[in-house]
Amino acid sequence: MSSLKTVRRLASSELKVGEGRVWIDPEQMDRLLNVISREEVRRLIKDGVIEKRPTSKPSRGRARLLH
């Protein structure tokens, strides 16, 4: 049994992104708590339980106010 923090860290390593860009499906928490190895994290990524969030672009809001 592992913590959510550990699963997020392993997933970020596998997806090659930061921990903040890792999205975990809240409806699948029971599957997450049984994860022990990187192989199981890879399986969850393949199943779509863990995904990579898109990068955030710079906001144009302040630029629009200037023009």
Protein backbone atom coordinates (compact mmCIF):
# COMPACT_ATOMS: atom_id res chain seq x y z
CA MET A 1 0.00 0.00 0.00
CA SER A 2 1.41 3.36 -1.00
CA SER A 3 0.46 6.96 -0.47
CA LEU A 4 -0.92 9.27 -3.12
CA LYS A 5 2.23 11.39 -2.90
CA THR A 6 4.40 8.40 -3.81
CA VAL A 7 2.16 7.44 -6.74
CA ARG A 8 2.25 11.04 -8.03
CA ARG A 9 6.06 11.11 -7.75
CA LEU A 10 6.44 7.81 -9.64
CA ALA A 11 3.97 8.92 -12.31
CA SER A 12 5.76 12.23 -12.83
CA SER A 13 9.00 10.33 -13.30
CA GLU A 14 7.42 7.98 -15.85
CA LEU A 15 5.65 10.78 -17.76
CA LYS A 16 8.78 12.99 -17.61
CA VAL A 17 6.87 16.00 -16.24
CA GLY A 18 6.66 17.74 -12.89
CA GLU A 19 4.39 16.49 -10.13
CA GLY A 20 1.99 19.38 -10.69
CA ARG A 21 1.21 18.26 -14.25
CA VAL A 22 0.14 14.76 -13.20
CA TRP A 23 -3.65 14.28 -13.22
CA ILE A 24 -5.10 11.38 -11.25
CA ASP A 25 -8.71 10.26 -11.74
CA PRO A 26 -10.45 10.83 -8.39
CA GLU A 27 -12.97 8.06 -9.11
CA GLN A 28 -10.19 5.44 -9.28
CA MET A 29 -8.65 6.04 -5.83
CA ASP A 30 -9.15 2.41 -4.80
CA ARG A 31 -6.85 1.28 -7.64
CA LEU A 32 -4.23 3.88 -6.72
CA LEU A 33 -3.82 2.80 -3.13
CA ASN A 34 -2.77 -0.71 -4.19
CA VAL A 35 0.08 0.52 -6.40
CA ILE A 36 3.52 -0.57 -5.24
CA SER A 37 5.82 -0.59 -8.28
CA ARG A 38 6.63 1.53 -11.31
CA GLU A 39 5.23 -1.21 -13.51
CA GLU A 40 1.81 -0.78 -11.88
CA VAL A 41 2.05 2.99 -12.38
CA ARG A 42 2.79 2.40 -16.08
CA ARG A 43 -0.30 0.19 -16.31
CA LEU A 44 -2.45 2.94 -14.75
CA ILE A 45 -1.06 5.46 -17.26
CA LYS A 46 -1.91 3.07 -20.09
CA ASP A 47 -5.45 2.58 -18.70
CA GLY A 48 -6.00 6.36 -18.49
CA VAL A 49 -6.26 6.56 -14.69
CA ILE A 50 -3.17 8.79 -14.61
CA GLU A 51 -2.65 11.40 -17.33
CA LYS A 52 -0.35 14.27 -18.20
CA ARG A 53 -1.98 17.73 -18.02
CA PRO A 54 -1.29 20.14 -20.87
CA THR A 55 1.16 22.97 -20.32
CA SER A 56 -0.31 26.32 -19.38
CA LYS A 57 0.28 29.15 -21.81
CA PRO A 58 0.94 32.75 -20.71
CA SER A 59 -2.30 34.64 -20.13
CA ARG A 60 -3.11 37.40 -22.62
CA GLY A 61 -5.45 39.23 -20.21
CA ARG A 62 -3.01 41.95 -19.14
CA ALA A 63 -1.78 42.42 -22.71
CA ARG A 64 -5.34 42.98 -23.94
CA LEU A 65 -5.85 45.73 -21.38
CA LEU A 66 -2.80 47.59 -22.69
CA HIS A 67 -3.96 47.66 -26.33
